[in-house]
Amino acid sequence: MTSPIRLDKRLCAQLECSRTQAQQYIEGGWVSVDGVVVDTPQTMVTDEVVTLADNANTDGAEPATFLLNKPAGVGPGQMLALIEESSHFTDYAANQRLLRRHFQRLEVPMPLDDAANGLVVLTQDWRVRRHLLETGPTLEQEFMVDVEGEPSPWAMSRLTQGLRFEGRMLPSCKVSWQSEQRLRFAIKDVRPGQLQFMCNEVGLQAMHIRRLRIGRIGLSKMPEGQWRFLMPSQRF
């Protein structure tokens, strides 16, 4: 058996390239060991088959932004466990591979209540994070809210304008009935607990909340518990 050797050193000898190039190939997710992508240069190998992808390049890997259809009851600390190859929504197959480095320094700029489900953005891209933090209050979000109870008089006009929450006057929004027990909200600058409060103010109880869209980015047909990459051409 061959003595163990670092993957980057093995690839360097195999390709007759520099150590830096070998590390860039590995960290970019272009190198497989016995058919499995390995993106850590310090991984030790012996007699395994080390393969470089045909379309490999040494460009730096772009930071990742994930769009997740979060199930109800899943909190921030549990969402990362849902992002794995088996739950990738392949209808939006971006030219990007899931790498170990994609799980580093992920942030959730526009969080969703733990009890709610629907669209959540997890990003390590400072540009996406800054955009959502700076323009988030002006981005329209779409929610479906299942309710119980009898609405009070003028409920719809009160929901669309005139309510106060946590000391601030809420901006006007669009609210419509989708069925006898489901409301659609098209609303900006939503704070935690706000939709529940708004429903309570007009005699309704919010039983289930689902976020469908943030700006121009929606869930589309992505099933609950699945995720996809935000593609470079997409903008909120």
Protein backbone atom coordinates (compact mmCIF):
# COMPACT_ATOMS: atom_id res chain seq x y z
CA MET A 1 0.00 0.00 0.00
CA THR A 2 1.22 3.47 -0.87
CA SER A 3 2.05 5.72 2.08
CA PRO A 4 -0.62 8.36 2.81
CA ILE A 5 -0.10 11.69 1.07
CA ARG A 6 -1.99 14.98 1.02
CA LEU A 7 -4.48 15.24 -1.82
CA ASP A 8 -3.03 18.50 -3.13
CA LYS A 9 0.47 17.01 -3.24
CA ARG A 10 -0.82 13.91 -5.03
CA LEU A 11 -2.72 16.01 -7.59
CA CYS A 12 0.28 18.26 -8.07
CA ALA A 13 2.42 15.26 -9.06
CA GLN A 14 -0.34 13.68 -11.13
CA LEU A 15 -1.01 16.81 -13.21
CA GLU A 16 2.51 18.23 -13.09
CA CYS A 17 1.04 21.52 -11.93
CA SER A 18 1.92 23.87 -9.08
CA ARG A 19 0.77 23.22 -5.51
CA THR A 20 -1.30 26.40 -5.68
CA GLN A 21 -3.12 25.24 -8.82
CA ALA A 22 -3.80 21.87 -7.25
CA GLN A 23 -5.32 23.52 -4.18
CA GLN A 24 -7.49 25.76 -6.36
CA TYR A 25 -8.81 22.76 -8.28
CA ILE A 26 -9.61 20.92 -5.06
CA GLU A 27 -11.21 23.88 -3.27
CA GLY A 28 -13.28 24.60 -6.37
CA GLY A 29 -14.87 21.15 -6.16
CA TRP A 30 -13.29 19.86 -9.36
CA VAL A 31 -11.46 16.87 -7.86
CA SER A 32 -12.96 13.47 -7.04
CA VAL A 33 -11.46 10.67 -4.95
CA ASP A 34 -12.90 7.31 -5.98
CA GLY A 35 -15.80 9.18 -7.57
CA VAL A 36 -16.61 11.39 -4.57
CA VAL A 37 -15.92 15.14 -4.73
CA VAL A 38 -13.39 16.20 -2.07
CA ASP A 39 -12.79 19.93 -1.57
CA THR A 40 -10.19 19.89 1.22
CA PRO A 41 -6.56 19.89 -0.01
CA GLN A 42 -5.26 18.37 3.24
CA THR A 43 -7.29 15.16 2.83
CA MET A 44 -4.95 12.16 2.98
CA VAL A 45 -5.08 9.62 0.14
CA THR A 46 -3.22 6.42 -0.66
CA ASP A 47 -4.16 4.20 -3.62
CA GLU A 48 -7.53 5.85 -4.40
CA VAL A 49 -8.31 7.03 -7.92
CA VAL A 50 -7.97 10.83 -8.06
CA THR A 51 -9.80 12.47 -10.98
CA LEU A 52 -9.96 16.04 -12.23
CA ALA A 53 -13.22 17.11 -13.92
CA ASP A 54 -12.96 17.77 -17.66
CA ASN A 55 -14.27 21.33 -17.30
CA ALA A 56 -12.12 22.21 -14.30
CA ASN A 57 -10.74 25.69 -13.85
CA THR A 58 -8.82 27.55 -11.18
CA ASP A 59 -11.27 30.43 -10.83
CA GLY A 60 -12.22 31.10 -7.23
CA ALA A 61 -15.46 29.48 -6.11
CA GLU A 62 -18.28 32.02 -5.88
CA PRO A 63 -19.92 32.43 -2.47
CA ALA A 64 -23.19 30.54 -2.22
CA THR A 65 -26.74 31.75 -1.63
CA PHE A 66 -29.34 29.10 -0.85
CA LEU A 67 -33.11 29.40 -1.25
CA LEU A 68 -34.80 26.99 1.14
CA ASN A 69 -38.44 26.00 1.48
CA LYS A 70 -38.31 25.82 5.26
CA PRO A 71 -40.74 23.46 7.00
CA ALA A 72 -42.75 24.79 9.94
CA GLY A 73 -41.07 24.27 13.30
CA VAL A 74 -37.52 24.43 11.90
CA GLY A 75 -35.35 27.08 13.55
CA PRO A 76 -32.11 28.72 12.36
CA GLY A 77 -29.91 26.06 13.93
CA GLN A 78 -31.73 23.27 12.10
CA MET A 79 -31.88 24.69 8.59
CA LEU A 80 -28.34 23.73 7.58
CA ALA A 81 -29.16 20.07 8.13
CA LEU A 82 -31.72 20.34 5.30
CA ILE A 83 -29.15 21.49 2.74
CA GLU A 84 -27.72 18.31 1.28
CA GLU A 85 -27.46 16.77 -2.16
CA SER A 86 -30.50 14.53 -1.65
CA SER A 87 -32.80 17.53 -1.06
CA HIS A 88 -31.53 19.69 -3.94
CA PHE A 89 -34.42 20.94 -6.10
CA THR A 90 -33.05 19.97 -9.50
CA ASP A 91 -35.62 21.89 -11.59
CA TYR A 92 -33.32 24.87 -11.02
CA ALA A 93 -29.99 23.16 -11.67
CA ALA A 94 -27.38 25.90 -11.42
CA ASN A 95 -23.82 25.34 -12.63
CA GLN A 96 -22.69 25.09 -9.04
CA ARG A 97 -21.79 22.14 -6.85
CA LEU A 98 -22.53 21.85 -3.15
CA LEU A 99 -19.18 22.18 -1.36
CA ARG A 100 -18.17 22.04 2.27
CA ARG A 101 -17.05 25.67 2.11
CA HIS A 102 -20.63 26.72 1.28
CA PHE A 103 -21.65 26.05 4.89
CA GLN A 104 -19.23 28.60 6.33
CA ARG A 105 -20.44 32.01 7.57
CA LEU A 106 -24.02 31.60 6.34
CA GLU A 107 -26.43 34.33 7.42
CA VAL A 108 -30.22 34.71 7.20
CA PRO A 109 -30.86 38.40 6.37
CA MET A 110 -34.67 38.12 6.27
CA PRO A 111 -35.60 35.46 8.85
CA LEU A 112 -38.93 33.68 9.12
CA ASP A 113 -40.73 32.80 12.35
CA ASP A 114 -39.88 29.25 13.47
CA ALA A 115 -43.57 28.27 13.37
CA ALA A 116 -43.96 29.49 9.77
CA ASN A 117 -42.82 27.73 6.62
CA GLY A 118 -41.78 28.86 3.18
CA LEU A 119 -38.99 30.82 1.52
CA VAL A 120 -35.82 31.53 3.50
CA VAL A 121 -32.56 32.96 2.13
CA LEU A 122 -29.25 31.71 3.54
CA THR A 123 -26.20 33.44 2.12
CA GLN A 124 -22.45 33.78 2.55
CA ASP A 125 -22.33 36.43 -0.19
CA TRP A 126 -21.83 39.87 1.37
CA ARG A 127 -23.44 41.51 -1.67
CA VAL A 128 -26.69 39.57 -1.25
CA ARG A 129 -26.65 40.13 2.50
CA ARG A 130 -26.14 43.89 2.16
CA HIS A 131 -28.81 44.17 -0.52
CA LEU A 132 -31.42 42.38 1.59
CA LEU A 133 -30.56 44.31 4.74
CA GLU A 134 -30.57 47.68 2.99
CA THR A 135 -33.52 47.21 0.64
CA GLY A 136 -35.44 44.59 2.62
CA PRO A 137 -37.97 47.10 4.01
CA THR A 138 -38.92 48.11 0.45
CA LEU A 139 -39.14 44.57 -0.98
CA GLU A 140 -42.65 43.20 -1.25
CA GLN A 141 -43.12 39.79 0.36
CA GLU A 142 -46.00 37.44 -0.35
CA PHE A 143 -47.57 35.31 2.38
CA MET A 144 -50.46 32.87 2.59
CA VAL A 145 -52.07 32.86 6.04
CA ASP A 146 -54.61 30.25 7.12
CA VAL A 147 -57.01 31.80 9.64
CA GLU A 148 -59.85 30.90 11.96
CA GLY A 149 -62.58 33.07 13.41
CA GLU A 150 -65.08 35.65 12.20
CA PRO A 151 -63.59 38.87 10.82
CA SER A 152 -64.71 42.08 12.47
CA PRO A 153 -66.47 44.84 10.47
CA TRP A 154 -64.16 46.64 8.04
CA ALA A 155 -61.54 43.94 8.58
CA MET A 156 -60.03 44.21 5.11
CA SER A 157 -59.68 47.97 5.18
CA ARG A 158 -58.05 47.79 8.62
CA LEU A 159 -55.62 45.13 7.45
CA THR A 160 -54.55 47.09 4.41
CA GLN A 161 -53.92 50.31 6.33
CA GLY A 162 -54.34 51.90 9.72
CA LEU A 163 -52.85 49.34 12.14
CA ARG A 164 -49.98 50.01 14.52
CA PHE A 165 -47.49 47.35 15.62
CA GLU A 166 -44.75 47.77 18.21
CA GLY A 167 -45.14 51.52 18.21
CA ARG A 168 -45.00 52.08 14.45
CA MET A 169 -47.67 52.72 11.87
CA LEU A 170 -47.68 49.82 9.45
CA PRO A 171 -47.28 50.65 5.77
CA SER A 172 -50.22 49.97 3.50
CA CYS A 173 -50.37 46.51 1.96
CA LYS A 174 -52.56 44.35 -0.26
CA VAL A 175 -54.73 41.68 1.37
CA SER A 176 -57.23 39.39 -0.35
CA TRP A 177 -59.25 36.29 0.48
CA GLN A 178 -58.05 33.16 -1.35
CA SER A 179 -60.69 30.99 0.29
CA GLU A 180 -62.98 31.19 3.33
CA GLN A 181 -60.03 30.45 5.62
CA ARG A 182 -57.00 31.74 3.72
CA LEU A 183 -55.68 35.25 3.28
CA ARG A 184 -53.01 36.43 0.85
CA PHE A 185 -50.76 39.27 2.02
CA ALA A 186 -48.53 41.28 -0.34
CA ILE A 187 -46.65 43.32 2.23
CA LYS A 188 -43.37 45.09 2.96
CA ASP A 189 -41.11 45.30 6.01
CA VAL A 190 -42.66 42.40 7.93
CA ARG A 191 -41.47 42.02 11.53
CA PRO A 192 -41.59 38.82 13.64
CA GLY A 193 -45.09 38.27 15.00
CA GLN A 194 -46.60 41.02 12.84
CA LEU A 195 -48.94 38.93 10.71
CA GLN A 196 -50.31 37.16 13.77
CA PHE A 197 -50.92 40.55 15.40
CA MET A 198 -52.66 41.96 12.33
CA CYS A 199 -55.03 39.00 12.15
CA ASN A 200 -55.80 39.22 15.87
CA GLU A 201 -56.68 42.90 15.50
CA VAL A 202 -59.56 42.05 13.16
CA GLY A 203 -60.92 39.04 15.05
CA LEU A 204 -58.95 36.33 13.27
CA GLN A 205 -56.38 33.85 14.50
CA ALA A 206 -53.42 33.06 12.24
CA MET A 207 -53.11 29.26 12.28
CA HIS A 208 -50.43 28.81 9.63
CA ILE A 209 -48.16 31.24 7.79
CA ARG A 210 -46.27 30.49 4.58
CA ARG A 211 -43.91 32.87 2.76
CA LEU A 212 -44.08 32.43 -1.02
CA ARG A 213 -41.97 35.28 -2.33
CA ILE A 214 -39.36 37.91 -1.48
CA GLY A 215 -39.23 40.61 -4.14
CA ARG A 216 -38.92 38.85 -7.50
CA ILE A 217 -37.70 35.56 -6.06
CA GLY A 218 -40.38 32.97 -5.31
CA LEU A 219 -40.67 29.37 -4.23
CA SER A 220 -42.10 28.38 -7.61
CA LYS A 221 -42.75 24.62 -7.44
CA MET A 222 -39.99 23.81 -4.95
CA PRO A 223 -41.31 21.26 -2.43
CA GLU A 224 -41.10 21.81 1.31
CA GLY A 225 -37.74 20.79 2.76
CA GLN A 226 -35.89 21.27 -0.54
CA TRP A 227 -33.43 23.98 -1.59
CA ARG A 228 -31.77 25.46 -4.64
CA PHE A 229 -28.97 27.90 -5.39
CA LEU A 230 -29.77 31.52 -6.21
CA MET A 231 -28.58 31.77 -9.81
CA PRO A 232 -26.21 34.61 -10.78
CA SER A 233 -28.80 36.10 -13.15
CA GLN A 234 -31.51 36.32 -10.48
CA ARG A 235 -32.18 39.50 -8.53
CA PHE A 236 -34.48 40.17 -5.61
